[in-house]
Amino acid sequence: MSIVKNLIIDKLRNISIDFTKDLDYAIKEVDKDSQCLAILVNPVQITEIRDIAFLGNRMPQKSTYFYPKVLTGLVINVF
């Protein structure tokens, strides 16, 4: 994902970007010209996130989608 971000996404600053995990949605959006490009990437492994964190780096935006997600209200309610 870092390669995609550094070599493609960062160069396309003046276009709208939509993120999805739904392959069919991505294909439909490109087919109907709502989006000009779809980039499909493999899921990130936990070990890759750990290794990057230990190097003091951060993962690119939207590259760390996990499911099931913790319900926000349950976590923030304590604070």
PDB file of N, CA and C in Angstrom:
ATOM      1  N   MET A   1       0.820  -1.190   0.000  1.00  0.00           N
ATOM      2  CA  MET A   1       0.000   0.000   0.000  1.00  0.00           C
ATOM      3  C   MET A   1       0.867   1.258   0.000  1.00  0.00           C
ATOM      4  N   SER A   2       1.996   1.238   0.673  1.00  0.00           N
ATOM      5  CA  SER A   2       2.876   2.409   0.682  1.00  0.00           C
ATOM      6  C   SER A   2       3.364   2.748  -0.716  1.00  0.00           C
ATOM      7  N   ILE A   3       3.649   1.741  -1.511  1.00  0.00           N
ATOM      8  CA  ILE A   3       4.101   1.984  -2.887  1.00  0.00           C
ATOM      9  C   ILE A   3       2.997   2.654  -3.684  1.00  0.00           C
ATOM     10  N   VAL A   4       1.776   2.152  -3.547  1.00  0.00           N
ATOM     11  CA  VAL A   4       0.631   2.748  -4.256  1.00  0.00           C
ATOM     12  C   VAL A   4       0.454   4.199  -3.821  1.00  0.00           C
ATOM     13  N   LYS A   5       0.535   4.448  -2.524  1.00  0.00           N
ATOM     14  CA  LYS A   5       0.363   5.816  -2.023  1.00  0.00           C
ATOM     15  C   LYS A   5       1.452   6.740  -2.545  1.00  0.00           C
ATOM     16  N   ASN A   6       2.701   6.303  -2.442  1.00  0.00           N
ATOM     17  CA  ASN A   6       3.815   7.174  -2.818  1.00  0.00           C
ATOM     18  C   ASN A   6       3.936   7.398  -4.323  1.00  0.00           C
ATOM     19  N   LEU A   7       3.664   6.365  -5.113  1.00  0.00           N
ATOM     20  CA  LEU A   7       3.876   6.476  -6.560  1.00  0.00           C
ATOM     21  C   LEU A   7       2.640   6.893  -7.344  1.00  0.00           C
ATOM     22  N   ILE A   8       1.442   6.688  -6.787  1.00  0.00           N
ATOM     23  CA  ILE A   8       0.226   6.996  -7.550  1.00  0.00           C
ATOM     24  C   ILE A   8      -0.648   8.020  -6.842  1.00  0.00           C
ATOM     25  N   ILE A   9      -1.127   7.692  -5.649  1.00  0.00           N
ATOM     26  CA  ILE A   9      -2.104   8.551  -4.974  1.00  0.00           C
ATOM     27  C   ILE A   9      -1.549   9.940  -4.689  1.00  0.00           C
ATOM     28  N   ASP A  10      -0.324  10.043  -4.193  1.00  0.00           N
ATOM     29  CA  ASP A  10       0.256  11.359  -3.898  1.00  0.00           C
ATOM     30  C   ASP A  10       0.405  12.224  -5.149  1.00  0.00           C
ATOM     31  N   LYS A  11       0.530  11.598  -6.311  1.00  0.00           N
ATOM     32  CA  LYS A  11       0.674  12.349  -7.560  1.00  0.00           C
ATOM     33  C   LYS A  11      -0.671  12.855  -8.082  1.00  0.00           C
ATOM     34  N   LEU A  12      -1.782  12.290  -7.586  1.00  0.00           N
ATOM     35  CA  LEU A  12      -3.114  12.627  -8.069  1.00  0.00           C
ATOM     36  C   LEU A  12      -3.846  13.504  -7.067  1.00  0.00           C
ATOM     37  N   ARG A  13      -3.277  14.594  -6.704  1.00  0.00           N
ATOM     38  CA  ARG A  13      -3.820  15.444  -5.643  1.00  0.00           C
ATOM     39  C   ARG A  13      -5.113  16.151  -6.027  1.00  0.00           C
ATOM     40  N   ASN A  14      -5.360  16.379  -7.296  1.00  0.00           N
ATOM     41  CA  ASN A  14      -6.513  17.168  -7.712  1.00  0.00           C
ATOM     42  C   ASN A  14      -7.716  16.328  -8.125  1.00  0.00           C
ATOM     43  N   ILE A  15      -7.762  15.071  -7.726  1.00  0.00           N
ATOM     44  CA  ILE A  15      -8.924  14.244  -8.042  1.00  0.00           C
ATOM     45  C   ILE A  15      -9.537  13.723  -6.753  1.00  0.00           C
ATOM     46  N   SER A  16     -10.816  13.386  -6.815  1.00  0.00           N
ATOM     47  CA  SER A  16     -11.443  12.815  -5.625  1.00  0.00           C
ATOM     48  C   SER A  16     -11.071  11.342  -5.530  1.00  0.00           C
ATOM     49  N   ILE A  17     -10.898  10.885  -4.316  1.00  0.00           N
ATOM     50  CA  ILE A  17     -10.523   9.497  -4.073  1.00  0.00           C
ATOM     51  C   ILE A  17     -11.591   8.871  -3.191  1.00  0.00           C
ATOM     52  N   ASP A  18     -12.023   7.689  -3.571  1.00  0.00           N
ATOM     53  CA  ASP A  18     -13.029   6.938  -2.830  1.00  0.00           C
ATOM     54  C   ASP A  18     -12.420   5.596  -2.448  1.00  0.00           C
ATOM     55  N   PHE A  19     -12.526   5.223  -1.193  1.00  0.00           N
ATOM     56  CA  PHE A  19     -11.985   3.954  -0.724  1.00  0.00           C
ATOM     57  C   PHE A  19     -13.119   2.966  -0.502  1.00  0.00           C
ATOM     58  N   THR A  20     -12.910   1.721  -0.896  1.00  0.00           N
ATOM     59  CA  THR A  20     -13.908   0.679  -0.657  1.00  0.00           C
ATOM     60  C   THR A  20     -13.221  -0.668  -0.529  1.00  0.00           C
ATOM     61  N   LYS A  21     -13.882  -1.565   0.169  1.00  0.00           N
ATOM     62  CA  LYS A  21     -13.400  -2.946   0.238  1.00  0.00           C
ATOM     63  C   LYS A  21     -14.231  -3.836  -0.673  1.00  0.00           C
ATOM     64  N   ASP A  22     -15.219  -3.237  -1.367  1.00  0.00           N
ATOM     65  CA  ASP A  22     -16.162  -3.967  -2.212  1.00  0.00           C
ATOM     66  C   ASP A  22     -15.691  -3.938  -3.669  1.00  0.00           C
ATOM     67  N   LEU A  23     -15.196  -5.070  -4.163  1.00  0.00           N
ATOM     68  CA  LEU A  23     -14.678  -5.168  -5.526  1.00  0.00           C
ATOM     69  C   LEU A  23     -15.733  -4.805  -6.568  1.00  0.00           C
ATOM     70  N   ASP A  24     -16.947  -5.317  -6.398  1.00  0.00           N
ATOM     71  CA  ASP A  24     -18.010  -5.031  -7.367  1.00  0.00           C
ATOM     72  C   ASP A  24     -18.313  -3.539  -7.438  1.00  0.00           C
ATOM     73  N   TYR A  25     -18.338  -2.870  -6.297  1.00  0.00           N
ATOM     74  CA  TYR A  25     -18.573  -1.425  -6.259  1.00  0.00           C
ATOM     75  C   TYR A  25     -17.467  -0.688  -7.013  1.00  0.00           C
ATOM     76  N   ALA A  26     -16.220  -1.070  -6.779  1.00  0.00           N
ATOM     77  CA  ALA A  26     -15.096  -0.409  -7.446  1.00  0.00           C
ATOM     78  C   ALA A  26     -15.202  -0.553  -8.962  1.00  0.00           C
ATOM     79  N   ILE A  27     -15.525  -1.750  -9.421  1.00  0.00           N
ATOM     80  CA  ILE A  27     -15.637  -1.993 -10.868  1.00  0.00           C
ATOM     81  C   ILE A  27     -16.785  -1.173 -11.460  1.00  0.00           C
ATOM     82  N   LYS A  28     -17.929  -1.143 -10.779  1.00  0.00           N
ATOM     83  CA  LYS A  28     -19.076  -0.371 -11.272  1.00  0.00           C
ATOM     84  C   LYS A  28     -18.766   1.117 -11.353  1.00  0.00           C
ATOM     85  N   GLU A  29     -18.066   1.646 -10.355  1.00  0.00           N
ATOM     86  CA  GLU A  29     -17.735   3.069 -10.347  1.00  0.00           C
ATOM     87  C   GLU A  29     -16.820   3.444 -11.512  1.00  0.00           C
ATOM     88  N   VAL A  30     -15.866   2.584 -11.827  1.00  0.00           N
ATOM     89  CA  VAL A  30     -14.985   2.836 -12.966  1.00  0.00           C
ATOM     90  C   VAL A  30     -15.756   2.676 -14.273  1.00  0.00           C
ATOM     91  N   ASP A  31     -16.589   1.641 -14.364  1.00  0.00           N
ATOM     92  CA  ASP A  31     -17.370   1.402 -15.581  1.00  0.00           C
ATOM     93  C   ASP A  31     -18.308   2.554 -15.910  1.00  0.00           C
ATOM     94  N   LYS A  32     -18.910   3.167 -14.904  1.00  0.00           N
ATOM     95  CA  LYS A  32     -19.843   4.272 -15.179  1.00  0.00           C
ATOM     96  C   LYS A  32     -19.155   5.645 -15.136  1.00  0.00           C
ATOM     97  N   ASP A  33     -17.824   5.642 -15.129  1.00  0.00           N
ATOM     98  CA  ASP A  33     -17.007   6.858 -15.163  1.00  0.00           C
ATOM     99  C   ASP A  33     -17.167   7.765 -13.942  1.00  0.00           C
ATOM    100  N   SER A  34     -17.652   7.213 -12.821  1.00  0.00           N
ATOM    101  CA  SER A  34     -17.675   7.994 -11.584  1.00  0.00           C
ATOM    102  C   SER A  34     -16.271   8.119 -11.011  1.00  0.00           C
ATOM    103  N   GLN A  35     -15.453   7.107 -11.264  1.00  0.00           N
ATOM    104  CA  GLN A  35     -14.050   7.113 -10.863  1.00  0.00           C
ATOM    105  C   GLN A  35     -13.220   6.739 -12.085  1.00  0.00           C
ATOM    106  N   CYS A  36     -12.019   7.269 -12.168  1.00  0.00           N
ATOM    107  CA  CYS A  36     -11.190   7.009 -13.344  1.00  0.00           C
ATOM    108  C   CYS A  36     -10.222   5.849 -13.145  1.00  0.00           C
ATOM    109  N   LEU A  37     -10.119   5.351 -11.912  1.00  0.00           N
ATOM    110  CA  LEU A  37      -9.100   4.362 -11.614  1.00  0.00           C
ATOM    111  C   LEU A  37      -9.519   3.537 -10.396  1.00  0.00           C
ATOM    112  N   ALA A  38      -9.243   2.249 -10.440  1.00  0.00           N
ATOM    113  CA  ALA A  38      -9.428   1.387  -9.269  1.00  0.00           C
ATOM    114  C   ALA A  38      -8.098   0.691  -8.998  1.00  0.00           C
ATOM    115  N   ILE A  39      -7.672   0.737  -7.759  1.00  0.00           N
ATOM    116  CA  ILE A  39      -6.435   0.079  -7.354  1.00  0.00           C
ATOM    117  C   ILE A  39      -6.803  -0.996  -6.351  1.00  0.00           C
ATOM    118  N   LEU A  40      -6.471  -2.234  -6.675  1.00  0.00           N
ATOM    119  CA  LEU A  40      -6.774  -3.360  -5.796  1.00  0.00           C
ATOM    120  C   LEU A  40      -5.498  -3.789  -5.097  1.00  0.00           C
ATOM    121  N   VAL A  41      -5.548  -3.867  -3.778  1.00  0.00           N
ATOM    122  CA  VAL A  41      -4.372  -4.267  -3.010  1.00  0.00           C
ATOM    123  C   VAL A  41      -4.724  -5.442  -2.104  1.00  0.00           C
ATOM    124  N   ASN A  42      -3.742  -6.238  -1.800  1.00  0.00           N
ATOM    125  CA  ASN A  42      -3.931  -7.355  -0.875  1.00  0.00           C
ATOM    126  C   ASN A  42      -4.103  -6.823   0.541  1.00  0.00           C
ATOM    127  N   PRO A  43      -4.824  -7.564   1.378  1.00  0.00           N
ATOM    128  CA  PRO A  43      -4.964  -7.145   2.778  1.00  0.00           C
ATOM    129  C   PRO A  43      -3.600  -7.082   3.472  1.00  0.00           C
ATOM    130  N   VAL A  44      -3.485  -6.161   4.392  1.00  0.00           N
ATOM    131  CA  VAL A  44      -2.244  -6.001   5.163  1.00  0.00           C
ATOM    132  C   VAL A  44      -2.254  -7.006   6.309  1.00  0.00           C
ATOM    133  N   GLN A  45      -1.156  -7.658   6.517  1.00  0.00           N
ATOM    134  CA  GLN A  45      -1.017  -8.619   7.608  1.00  0.00           C
ATOM    135  C   GLN A  45      -0.641  -7.886   8.898  1.00  0.00           C
ATOM    136  N   ILE A  46      -1.086  -8.407  10.018  1.00  0.00           N
ATOM    137  CA  ILE A  46      -0.761  -7.813  11.315  1.00  0.00           C
ATOM    138  C   ILE A  46       0.749  -7.684  11.499  1.00  0.00           C
ATOM    139  N   THR A  47       1.495  -8.673  11.043  1.00  0.00           N
ATOM    140  CA  THR A  47       2.953  -8.627  11.198  1.00  0.00           C
ATOM    141  C   THR A  47       3.558  -7.461  10.413  1.00  0.00           C
ATOM    142  N   GLU A  48       2.968  -7.117   9.278  1.00  0.00           N
ATOM    143  CA  GLU A  48       3.465  -5.975   8.495  1.00  0.00           C
ATOM    144  C   GLU A  48       3.226  -4.669   9.248  1.00  0.00           C
ATOM    145  N   ILE A  49       2.065  -4.553   9.871  1.00  0.00           N
ATOM    146  CA  ILE A  49       1.763  -3.346  10.653  1.00  0.00           C
ATOM    147  C   ILE A  49       2.722  -3.237  11.828  1.00  0.00           C
ATOM    148  N   ARG A  50       2.954  -4.362  12.505  1.00  0.00           N
ATOM    149  CA  ARG A  50       3.892  -4.383  13.638  1.00  0.00           C
ATOM    150  C   ARG A  50       5.288  -3.943  13.200  1.00  0.00           C
ATOM    151  N   ASP A  51       5.766  -4.505  12.094  1.00  0.00           N
ATOM    152  CA  ASP A  51       7.112  -4.185  11.605  1.00  0.00           C
ATOM    153  C   ASP A  51       7.242  -2.708  11.257  1.00  0.00           C
ATOM    154  N   ILE A  52       6.228  -2.167  10.622  1.00  0.00           N
ATOM    155  CA  ILE A  52       6.258  -0.743  10.253  1.00  0.00           C
ATOM    156  C   ILE A  52       6.229   0.129  11.499  1.00  0.00           C
ATOM    157  N   ALA A  53       5.415  -0.249  12.487  1.00  0.00           N
ATOM    158  CA  ALA A  53       5.343   0.513  13.738  1.00  0.00           C
ATOM    159  C   ALA A  53       6.683   0.483  14.478  1.00  0.00           C
ATOM    160  N   PHE A  54       7.336  -0.673  14.508  1.00  0.00           N
ATOM    161  CA  PHE A  54       8.637  -0.772  15.177  1.00  0.00           C
ATOM    162  C   PHE A  54       9.705   0.079  14.499  1.00  0.00           C
ATOM    163  N   LEU A  55       9.531   0.355  13.199  1.00  0.00           N
ATOM    164  CA  LEU A  55      10.457   1.229  12.483  1.00  0.00           C
ATOM    165  C   LEU A  55      10.148   2.707  12.710  1.00  0.00           C
ATOM    166  N   GLY A  56       9.038   2.974  13.414  1.00  0.00           N
ATOM    167  CA  GLY A  56       8.650   4.356  13.698  1.00  0.00           C
ATOM    168  C   GLY A  56       7.858   4.995  12.566  1.00  0.00           C
ATOM    169  N   ASN A  57       7.369   4.192  11.651  1.00  0.00           N
ATOM    170  CA  ASN A  57       6.585   4.709  10.526  1.00  0.00           C
ATOM    171  C   ASN A  57       5.102   4.483  10.757  1.00  0.00           C
ATOM    172  N   ARG A  58       4.280   5.073   9.884  1.00  0.00           N
ATOM    173  CA  ARG A  58       2.832   4.903   9.949  1.00  0.00           C
ATOM    174  C   ARG A  58       2.330   4.287   8.657  1.00  0.00           C
ATOM    175  N   MET A  59       1.240   3.570   8.762  1.00  0.00           N
ATOM    176  CA  MET A  59       0.591   3.003   7.577  1.00  0.00           C
ATOM    177  C   MET A  59      -0.166   4.107   6.852  1.00  0.00           C
ATOM    178  N   PRO A  60      -0.282   4.003   5.525  1.00  0.00           N
ATOM    179  CA  PRO A  60      -1.072   4.991   4.783  1.00  0.00           C
ATOM    180  C   PRO A  60      -2.538   4.953   5.203  1.00  0.00           C
ATOM    181  N   GLN A  61      -3.221   6.072   4.986  1.00  0.00           N
ATOM    182  CA  GLN A  61      -4.644   6.181   5.294  1.00  0.00           C
ATOM    183  C   GLN A  61      -5.430   5.052   4.624  1.00  0.00           C
ATOM    184  N   LYS A  62      -6.370   4.491   5.336  1.00  0.00           N
ATOM    185  CA  LYS A  62      -7.294   3.454   4.864  1.00  0.00           C
ATOM    186  C   LYS A  62      -6.625   2.109   4.566  1.00  0.00           C
ATOM    187  N   SER A  63      -5.380   1.921   4.949  1.00  0.00           N
ATOM    188  CA  SER A  63      -4.719   0.647   4.647  1.00  0.00           C
ATOM    189  C   SER A  63      -4.880  -0.370   5.763  1.00  0.00           C
ATOM    190  N   THR A  64      -5.449   0.042   6.875  1.00  0.00           N
ATOM    191  CA  THR A  64      -5.575  -0.863   8.010  1.00  0.00           C
ATOM    192  C   THR A  64      -7.035  -1.088   8.363  1.00  0.00           C
ATOM    193  N   TYR A  65      -7.811  -1.569   7.404  1.00  0.00           N
ATOM    194  CA  TYR A  65      -9.226  -1.869   7.648  1.00  0.00           C
ATOM    195  C   TYR A  65      -9.327  -3.218   8.353  1.00  0.00           C
ATOM    196  N   PHE A  66      -9.953  -3.232   9.514  1.00  0.00           N
ATOM    197  CA  PHE A  66     -10.135  -4.475  10.251  1.00  0.00           C
ATOM    198  C   PHE A  66     -11.613  -4.705  10.499  1.00  0.00           C
ATOM    199  N   TYR A  67     -12.017  -5.956  10.469  1.00  0.00           N
ATOM    200  CA  TYR A  67     -13.389  -6.307  10.764  1.00  0.00           C
ATOM    201  C   TYR A  67     -13.383  -7.544  11.635  1.00  0.00           C
ATOM    202  N   PRO A  68     -14.192  -7.655  12.633  1.00  0.00           N
ATOM    203  CA  PRO A  68     -15.231  -6.705  13.032  1.00  0.00           C
ATOM    204  C   PRO A  68     -14.628  -5.532  13.795  1.00  0.00           C
ATOM    205  N   LYS A  69     -15.240  -4.391  13.611  1.00  0.00           N
ATOM    206  CA  LYS A  69     -14.779  -3.183  14.296  1.00  0.00           C
ATOM    207  C   LYS A  69     -15.422  -3.095  15.679  1.00  0.00           C
ATOM    208  N   VAL A  70     -14.704  -2.500  16.605  1.00  0.00           N
ATOM    209  CA  VAL A  70     -15.251  -2.249  17.932  1.00  0.00           C
ATOM    210  C   VAL A  70     -16.280  -1.133  17.797  1.00  0.00           C
ATOM    211  N   LEU A  71     -17.428  -1.292  18.415  1.00  0.00           N
ATOM    212  CA  LEU A  71     -18.441  -0.246  18.363  1.00  0.00           C
ATOM    213  C   LEU A  71     -17.907   1.014  19.032  1.00  0.00           C
ATOM    214  N   THR A  72     -17.921   2.125  18.330  1.00  0.00           N
ATOM    215  CA  THR A  72     -17.328   3.364  18.814  1.00  0.00           C
ATOM    216  C   THR A  72     -17.915   3.786  20.158  1.00  0.00           C
ATOM    217  N   GLY A  73     -19.211   3.676  20.293  1.00  0.00           N
ATOM    218  CA  GLY A  73     -19.860   4.098  21.543  1.00  0.00           C
ATOM    219  C   GLY A  73     -19.355   3.330  22.747  1.00  0.00           C
ATOM    220  N   LEU A  74     -19.028   2.072  22.573  1.00  0.00           N
ATOM    221  CA  LEU A  74     -18.538   1.275  23.689  1.00  0.00           C
ATOM    222  C   LEU A  74     -17.157   1.726  24.144  1.00  0.00           C
ATOM    223  N   VAL A  75     -16.337   2.184  23.208  1.00  0.00           N
ATOM    224  CA  VAL A  75     -14.982   2.607  23.542  1.00  0.00           C
ATOM    225  C   VAL A  75     -14.959   4.040  24.060  1.00  0.00           C
ATOM    226  N   ILE A  76     -15.647   4.937  23.360  1.00  0.00           N
ATOM    227  CA  ILE A  76     -15.609   6.355  23.727  1.00  0.00           C
ATOM    228  C   ILE A  76     -16.465   6.655  24.958  1.00  0.00           C
ATOM    229  N   ASN A  77     -17.483   5.836  25.202  1.00  0.00           N
ATOM    230  CA  ASN A  77     -18.385   6.052  26.326  1.00  0.00           C
ATOM    231  C   ASN A  77     -17.615   6.157  27.646  1.00  0.00           C
ATOM    232  N   VAL A  78     -16.543   5.403  27.791  1.00  0.00           N
ATOM    233  CA  VAL A  78     -15.750   5.414  29.017  1.00  0.00           C
ATOM    234  C   VAL A  78     -15.089   6.777  29.230  1.00  0.00           C
ATOM    235  N   PHE A  79     -14.701   7.437  28.156  1.00  0.00           N
ATOM    236  CA  PHE A  79     -14.009   8.721  28.247  1.00  0.00           C
ATOM    237  C   PHE A  79     -14.984   9.830  28.478  1.00  0.00           C
TER     238      PHE A  79
END
